[in-house]
Amino acid sequence: MEVYEIQGSFGMDNLKCVERPDPDPVPGHGQVLVRMKAASLNYRDLMMVRGHYNPRQPLPLVPCSDGVGEVVGVGEGVKRVGQGDRVATVFSQTWISGKPTAEKLSGTLGGPIDGALSEMMVLDAEGVIPVPKSLSDVEGATLPCAALTAWSALSELGDVSAGDTVLVQGTGGVSIFALQLAKMLGARVIATSSTEAKLDRLRSMGAWATVNYADDPQWGKTVRRLTDGRGVDHIVEVGGAGTLSQSLKAAAVGGTISVIGVLSGISSEFNIIPLLMQHLKLQGILVGSREGFERMNRAIETHELKPVIDRVFDFADVPEAFAHMASGAHFGKVCIGF
């Protein structure tokens, strides 16, 4: 079978397509063999290839956590899924339910465990989940990280409800899902981007208001003005250190800032007074549990939500897919078709 490996050392030049032996057609007890059909890229995958996510990650490593495939082999004791089922990978193979722990977060795909850029995968049956019937393989492959991160931020931990105002940043996978899910939950959405073309698309998707952060570096004050001085109830913070100070200015008293990305950096100085005086909640989000994934999938089917796909690359063109993601030109998810 063909897989992509980061070989020798980190860097895009070291991401190579290689041959590995096919897995045993009969997987072990509690395991399933999955023939992969599609995958999607997350910024974490790009950071992993570059060596920015975990520089001490042992190599070689098959990157990419998110994929969908068909179960073609079932080991003894497996009852959750069966032969022929379409399943998506679960980001953390060891976080089934409840609160996260160090142990539950230790089994993540695409590092430290080999990930989804592989024609075949052997996974624990507890670490896969049926794909909503309403979605294609490629659409289903967008769910494990980006969609579940947005769902965890807004629903599992954020308690967003009808009438709330949510701010989303940019047009990557998490932000687009956050816009869709927030609207599904009855909230109004303010969206930011750096180009008018992308802002037009965000408005066409139902964003209540938009802000061009390239033209307006003090967008936190603009967001307050848009909300008549109140601020927003929930912010899906994908920028990280470089945008957190503006998010603090944009947040309403008692609001929540869900920190899920580091696109603008990992460290900076910021004034903690607004955090205290406005009684804000600063919540880190690392995707979510399998049970949260199952709850999200029920909501997706009920509301017939469709993921936004930017572009689908062939398996042979995985390096080009990573380059496209790195460019920042995408709107929604960058995917791989097998």
Protein backbone atom coordinates (compact mmCIF):
# COMPACT_ATOMS: atom_id res chain seq x y z
CA MET A 1 0.00 0.00 0.00
CA GLU A 2 1.07 3.60 -0.53
CA VAL A 3 1.46 6.02 2.36
CA TYR A 4 2.97 9.46 2.87
CA GLU A 5 5.75 9.62 5.46
CA ILE A 6 7.75 12.43 7.00
CA GLN A 7 11.18 10.87 6.61
CA GLY A 8 14.47 11.58 8.33
CA SER A 9 13.76 15.14 9.39
CA PHE A 10 10.90 17.60 9.27
CA GLY A 11 10.03 19.79 6.30
CA MET A 12 7.85 19.59 3.21
CA ASP A 13 10.81 18.29 1.17
CA ASN A 14 10.86 15.24 3.44
CA LEU A 15 7.19 14.31 2.94
CA LYS A 16 7.47 11.30 0.62
CA CYS A 17 5.06 8.79 -0.88
CA VAL A 18 6.40 5.30 -0.10
CA GLU A 19 5.32 1.66 -0.14
CA ARG A 20 4.52 -0.18 3.07
CA PRO A 21 3.36 -3.79 3.41
CA ASP A 22 -0.40 -4.28 3.27
CA PRO A 23 -1.95 -4.95 6.68
CA ASP A 24 -3.20 -8.42 7.57
CA PRO A 25 -6.72 -8.72 6.05
CA VAL A 26 -7.96 -10.04 9.42
CA PRO A 27 -7.22 -7.39 12.07
CA GLY A 28 -6.63 -8.16 15.71
CA HIS A 29 -9.16 -8.40 18.52
CA GLY A 30 -11.19 -5.21 18.79
CA GLN A 31 -9.70 -3.75 15.62
CA VAL A 32 -10.97 -2.88 12.15
CA LEU A 33 -9.19 -2.64 8.80
CA VAL A 34 -10.25 0.45 6.84
CA ARG A 35 -9.66 1.13 3.15
CA MET A 36 -9.31 4.90 3.03
CA LYS A 37 -11.44 6.91 0.60
CA ALA A 38 -10.75 10.55 1.56
CA ALA A 39 -8.81 12.75 3.97
CA SER A 40 -8.77 16.42 4.89
CA LEU A 41 -5.96 18.67 6.03
CA ASN A 42 -5.80 20.76 9.18
CA TYR A 43 -3.30 23.44 10.11
CA ARG A 44 -2.02 21.01 12.75
CA ASP A 45 -0.98 18.64 9.95
CA LEU A 46 1.03 21.39 8.26
CA MET A 47 2.71 22.26 11.57
CA MET A 48 3.50 18.58 12.14
CA VAL A 49 5.18 18.22 8.73
CA ARG A 50 7.18 21.39 9.31
CA GLY A 51 8.26 20.23 12.79
CA HIS A 52 6.54 23.13 14.55
CA TYR A 53 3.93 21.06 16.39
CA ASN A 54 6.15 18.53 18.16
CA PRO A 55 9.82 18.78 17.17
CA ARG A 56 10.54 15.64 19.22
CA GLN A 57 8.02 13.51 17.34
CA PRO A 58 9.75 10.26 16.28
CA LEU A 59 10.04 9.76 12.53
CA PRO A 60 8.99 8.36 10.12
CA LEU A 61 5.40 9.47 10.68
CA VAL A 62 2.30 9.27 8.49
CA PRO A 63 0.67 12.70 8.98
CA CYS A 64 -2.96 13.82 8.87
CA SER A 65 -5.59 12.90 11.44
CA ASP A 66 -8.83 13.19 9.47
CA GLY A 67 -10.11 10.57 7.07
CA VAL A 68 -13.02 8.45 5.90
CA GLY A 69 -12.93 4.91 4.62
CA GLU A 70 -14.75 1.62 4.27
CA VAL A 71 -14.42 -1.15 6.83
CA VAL A 72 -13.00 -4.13 4.91
CA GLY A 73 -11.92 -6.28 7.86
CA VAL A 74 -13.34 -6.81 11.35
CA GLY A 75 -11.52 -8.38 14.27
CA GLU A 76 -13.02 -10.53 16.99
CA GLY A 77 -15.16 -8.75 19.57
CA VAL A 78 -16.07 -5.78 17.34
CA LYS A 79 -19.72 -4.77 17.60
CA ARG A 80 -19.76 -0.99 17.00
CA VAL A 81 -19.21 -1.20 13.23
CA GLY A 82 -19.36 -3.91 10.58
CA GLN A 83 -18.01 -4.96 7.21
CA GLY A 84 -18.81 -2.39 4.53
CA ASP A 85 -19.58 0.48 6.93
CA ARG A 86 -18.35 3.97 6.08
CA VAL A 87 -16.43 5.33 9.03
CA ALA A 88 -14.49 8.45 9.97
CA THR A 89 -11.37 8.45 12.10
CA VAL A 90 -11.59 9.83 15.63
CA PHE A 91 -8.80 12.36 16.27
CA SER A 92 -7.96 11.09 19.75
CA GLN A 93 -8.26 7.32 19.66
CA THR A 94 -8.28 7.18 23.46
CA TRP A 95 -10.77 9.96 24.32
CA ILE A 96 -14.14 8.27 24.17
CA SER A 97 -16.13 10.33 26.68
CA GLY A 98 -15.94 12.60 29.70
CA LYS A 99 -13.35 15.23 30.49
CA PRO A 100 -9.93 15.11 28.83
CA THR A 101 -6.96 13.63 30.68
CA ALA A 102 -3.31 13.26 29.74
CA GLU A 103 -3.98 9.62 28.89
CA LYS A 104 -7.04 10.43 26.75
CA LEU A 105 -5.06 13.01 24.78
CA SER A 106 -2.05 10.77 24.23
CA GLY A 107 -3.51 8.74 21.36
CA THR A 108 -3.95 11.27 18.58
CA LEU A 109 -3.71 10.40 14.90
CA GLY A 110 -1.15 12.11 12.67
CA GLY A 111 1.21 12.29 15.65
CA PRO A 112 2.16 10.47 17.74
CA ILE A 113 0.11 7.71 15.99
CA ASP A 114 0.41 7.25 12.22
CA GLY A 115 -2.38 9.12 10.46
CA ALA A 116 -4.74 9.06 7.52
CA LEU A 117 -2.48 9.63 4.48
CA SER A 118 -2.40 5.88 3.95
CA GLU A 119 -4.37 3.66 1.60
CA MET A 120 -5.19 1.28 4.48
CA MET A 121 -5.44 1.79 8.24
CA VAL A 122 -5.79 -0.62 11.14
CA LEU A 123 -7.62 1.13 13.98
CA ASP A 124 -9.26 0.22 17.24
CA ALA A 125 -13.00 -0.10 16.61
CA GLU A 126 -13.53 2.38 19.45
CA GLY A 127 -11.60 4.95 17.40
CA VAL A 128 -13.89 5.13 14.38
CA ILE A 129 -17.39 6.53 13.96
CA PRO A 130 -20.08 6.04 11.27
CA VAL A 131 -20.25 8.85 8.73
CA PRO A 132 -23.57 10.72 8.42
CA LYS A 133 -25.47 9.21 5.50
CA SER A 134 -26.15 12.68 4.12
CA LEU A 135 -22.44 13.32 3.48
CA SER A 136 -20.04 12.08 0.81
CA ASP A 137 -16.71 10.50 1.73
CA VAL A 138 -14.88 13.79 1.17
CA GLU A 139 -17.44 15.75 3.17
CA GLY A 140 -17.26 13.23 6.00
CA ALA A 141 -13.47 13.54 6.08
CA THR A 142 -13.77 17.19 7.10
CA LEU A 143 -15.49 16.38 10.41
CA PRO A 144 -13.00 14.74 12.83
CA CYS A 145 -10.99 17.86 13.75
CA ALA A 146 -12.34 21.06 12.22
CA ALA A 147 -16.04 20.43 12.72
CA LEU A 148 -15.67 18.81 16.14
CA THR A 149 -13.41 21.61 17.37
CA ALA A 150 -16.04 24.19 16.42
CA TRP A 151 -18.81 22.04 17.95
CA SER A 152 -16.86 21.57 21.19
CA ALA A 153 -16.22 25.31 21.45
CA LEU A 154 -19.81 26.35 20.81
CA SER A 155 -21.95 23.50 22.13
CA GLU A 156 -20.06 21.07 24.34
CA LEU A 157 -18.26 23.77 26.34
CA GLY A 158 -19.63 27.10 25.11
CA ASP A 159 -23.37 26.74 25.74
CA VAL A 160 -24.15 28.97 22.75
CA SER A 161 -27.88 29.45 22.37
CA ALA A 162 -30.42 31.36 20.31
CA GLY A 163 -29.89 35.10 20.45
CA ASP A 164 -26.17 34.95 21.27
CA THR A 165 -23.59 36.70 19.11
CA VAL A 166 -20.56 34.69 17.97
CA LEU A 167 -17.38 36.00 16.36
CA VAL A 168 -15.41 33.77 13.97
CA GLN A 169 -12.00 34.60 12.53
CA GLY A 170 -10.98 33.92 8.94
CA THR A 171 -12.17 31.33 6.44
CA GLY A 172 -10.36 28.14 7.40
CA GLY A 173 -12.14 24.91 8.23
CA VAL A 174 -12.84 25.55 11.92
CA SER A 175 -14.08 29.09 11.33
CA ILE A 176 -16.45 28.10 8.53
CA PHE A 177 -17.85 25.24 10.59
CA ALA A 178 -18.21 27.63 13.55
CA LEU A 179 -20.25 30.00 11.39
CA GLN A 180 -22.51 27.17 10.21
CA LEU A 181 -22.93 25.61 13.65
CA ALA A 182 -23.49 28.93 15.42
CA LYS A 183 -26.28 29.77 12.98
CA MET A 184 -27.70 26.27 13.48
CA LEU A 185 -27.78 26.98 17.24
CA GLY A 186 -29.68 30.23 16.63
CA ALA A 187 -26.83 32.70 17.13
CA ARG A 188 -25.92 35.63 14.91
CA VAL A 189 -22.37 35.64 13.58
CA ILE A 190 -19.78 38.33 13.01
CA ALA A 191 -16.98 37.12 10.74
CA THR A 192 -13.54 38.55 9.98
CA SER A 193 -11.31 38.09 6.95
CA SER A 194 -8.58 39.97 5.10
CA THR A 195 -10.18 40.15 1.63
CA GLU A 196 -13.46 41.58 0.42
CA ALA A 197 -14.07 38.56 -1.81
CA LYS A 198 -13.98 36.24 1.20
CA LEU A 199 -16.13 38.64 3.23
CA ASP A 200 -18.72 38.56 0.45
CA ARG A 201 -18.80 34.76 0.64
CA LEU A 202 -19.14 34.88 4.43
CA ARG A 203 -22.13 37.22 4.10
CA SER A 204 -23.66 34.89 1.51
CA MET A 205 -23.40 32.09 4.10
CA GLY A 206 -25.39 34.14 6.58
CA ALA A 207 -22.83 36.16 8.52
CA TRP A 208 -24.76 38.98 10.19
CA ALA A 209 -21.80 41.38 9.93
CA THR A 210 -18.20 41.23 8.66
CA VAL A 211 -14.96 43.05 9.41
CA ASN A 212 -11.83 43.30 7.27
CA TYR A 213 -9.05 42.87 9.81
CA ALA A 214 -6.36 43.83 7.27
CA ASP A 215 -7.93 47.27 6.82
CA ASP A 216 -8.99 47.53 10.47
CA PRO A 217 -6.26 46.28 12.86
CA GLN A 218 -8.32 47.54 15.81
CA TRP A 219 -11.23 45.31 14.84
CA GLY A 220 -12.07 44.55 18.46
CA LYS A 221 -13.41 48.08 18.88
CA THR A 222 -15.31 47.81 15.60
CA VAL A 223 -16.99 44.62 16.80
CA ARG A 224 -18.06 46.40 19.99
CA ARG A 225 -19.50 49.22 17.91
CA LEU A 226 -21.41 46.76 15.73
CA THR A 227 -23.00 45.33 18.89
CA ASP A 228 -23.93 48.75 20.31
CA GLY A 229 -21.09 48.59 22.81
CA ARG A 230 -22.09 45.22 24.29
CA GLY A 231 -19.51 42.94 22.64
CA VAL A 232 -19.93 39.32 21.56
CA ASP A 233 -20.87 36.35 23.71
CA HIS A 234 -18.45 33.86 22.21
CA ILE A 235 -15.28 34.16 20.14
CA VAL A 236 -13.74 31.27 18.22
CA GLU A 237 -10.12 32.37 18.46
CA VAL A 238 -8.03 30.76 15.71
CA GLY A 239 -5.35 33.45 15.48
CA GLY A 240 -3.72 32.80 18.82
CA ALA A 241 -1.30 35.22 20.42
CA GLY A 242 -1.44 37.80 17.65
CA THR A 243 -5.22 38.30 17.78
CA LEU A 244 -6.04 37.58 21.42
CA SER A 245 -5.75 41.22 22.49
CA GLN A 246 -8.42 42.23 19.96
CA SER A 247 -10.63 39.33 21.01
CA LEU A 248 -10.46 40.59 24.60
CA LYS A 249 -11.68 43.98 23.38
CA ALA A 250 -14.49 42.40 21.35
CA ALA A 251 -15.85 40.14 24.10
CA ALA A 252 -18.97 40.98 26.10
CA VAL A 253 -18.99 40.97 29.88
CA GLY A 254 -19.26 37.32 30.91
CA GLY A 255 -18.27 36.17 27.43
CA THR A 256 -16.15 33.21 26.36
CA ILE A 257 -13.05 33.10 24.17
CA SER A 258 -12.35 29.61 22.85
CA VAL A 259 -8.67 29.40 21.88
CA ILE A 260 -8.23 26.75 19.22
CA GLY A 261 -5.47 27.98 16.88
CA VAL A 262 -2.09 29.66 16.63
CA LEU A 263 -2.16 31.10 13.12
CA SER A 264 -0.72 34.44 14.27
CA GLY A 265 1.72 33.13 16.85
CA ILE A 266 2.06 31.24 20.13
CA SER A 267 3.27 33.89 22.53
CA SER A 268 2.78 37.59 23.23
CA GLU A 269 2.15 40.00 26.05
CA PHE A 270 -1.42 41.06 26.69
CA ASN A 271 -3.27 42.98 29.35
CA ILE A 272 -5.14 40.59 31.66
CA ILE A 273 -7.28 43.37 33.20
CA PRO A 274 -10.13 42.91 30.66
CA LEU A 275 -10.12 39.20 31.47
CA LEU A 276 -10.70 40.02 35.14
CA MET A 277 -12.90 43.09 34.96
CA GLN A 278 -15.21 41.63 32.29
CA HIS A 279 -15.47 38.23 33.99
CA LEU A 280 -14.34 36.50 30.79
CA LYS A 281 -13.77 32.79 30.28
CA LEU A 282 -10.64 31.83 28.32
CA GLN A 283 -11.07 28.21 27.20
CA GLY A 284 -8.52 26.08 25.37
CA ILE A 285 -10.04 23.58 22.93
CA LEU A 286 -8.30 20.43 21.64
CA VAL A 287 -10.92 18.92 19.32
CA GLY A 288 -13.21 16.74 21.49
CA SER A 289 -14.34 13.28 22.53
CA ARG A 290 -15.90 10.54 20.40
CA GLU A 291 -19.21 10.99 22.22
CA GLY A 292 -19.12 14.69 21.35
CA PHE A 293 -18.46 13.67 17.73
CA GLU A 294 -21.55 11.44 17.85
CA ARG A 295 -23.71 14.27 19.23
CA MET A 296 -22.42 16.62 16.52
CA ASN A 297 -23.17 14.09 13.78
CA ARG A 298 -26.77 13.80 14.97
CA ALA A 299 -27.10 17.59 14.76
CA ILE A 300 -25.51 17.64 11.29
CA GLU A 301 -27.99 15.06 9.99
CA THR A 302 -30.98 16.73 11.61
CA HIS A 303 -30.14 20.14 10.16
CA GLU A 304 -28.72 18.80 6.87
CA LEU A 305 -25.50 20.79 7.31
CA LYS A 306 -23.07 20.52 4.40
CA PRO A 307 -19.32 21.10 4.91
CA VAL A 308 -17.69 23.73 2.73
CA ILE A 309 -15.02 22.15 0.53
CA ASP A 310 -12.41 24.47 -0.94
CA ARG A 311 -10.64 21.97 -3.19
CA VAL A 312 -10.09 18.22 -3.52
CA PHE A 313 -6.59 17.02 -4.50
CA ASP A 314 -5.66 13.56 -5.73
CA PHE A 315 -3.62 11.30 -3.44
CA ALA A 316 -0.66 11.76 -5.81
CA ASP A 317 -0.84 15.52 -5.23
CA VAL A 318 -0.67 15.63 -1.42
CA PRO A 319 2.36 18.02 -1.41
CA GLU A 320 0.38 20.45 -3.57
CA ALA A 321 -2.53 20.20 -1.13
CA PHE A 322 -0.24 21.18 1.75
CA ALA A 323 1.16 24.07 -0.29
CA HIS A 324 -2.36 25.29 -1.01
CA MET A 325 -3.21 25.22 2.69
CA ALA A 326 0.02 27.03 3.54
CA SER A 327 -0.85 29.81 1.08
CA GLY A 328 -3.93 30.76 3.08
CA ALA A 329 -5.97 31.11 -0.10
CA HIS A 330 -8.47 28.42 0.85
CA PHE A 331 -12.09 28.99 1.89
CA GLY A 332 -13.22 25.97 3.88
CA LYS A 333 -11.54 22.57 3.85
CA VAL A 334 -8.66 21.31 1.73
CA CYS A 335 -9.27 17.61 1.01
CA ILE A 336 -7.63 14.55 -0.52
CA GLY A 337 -9.47 11.97 -2.63
CA PHE A 338 -8.02 8.44 -2.75
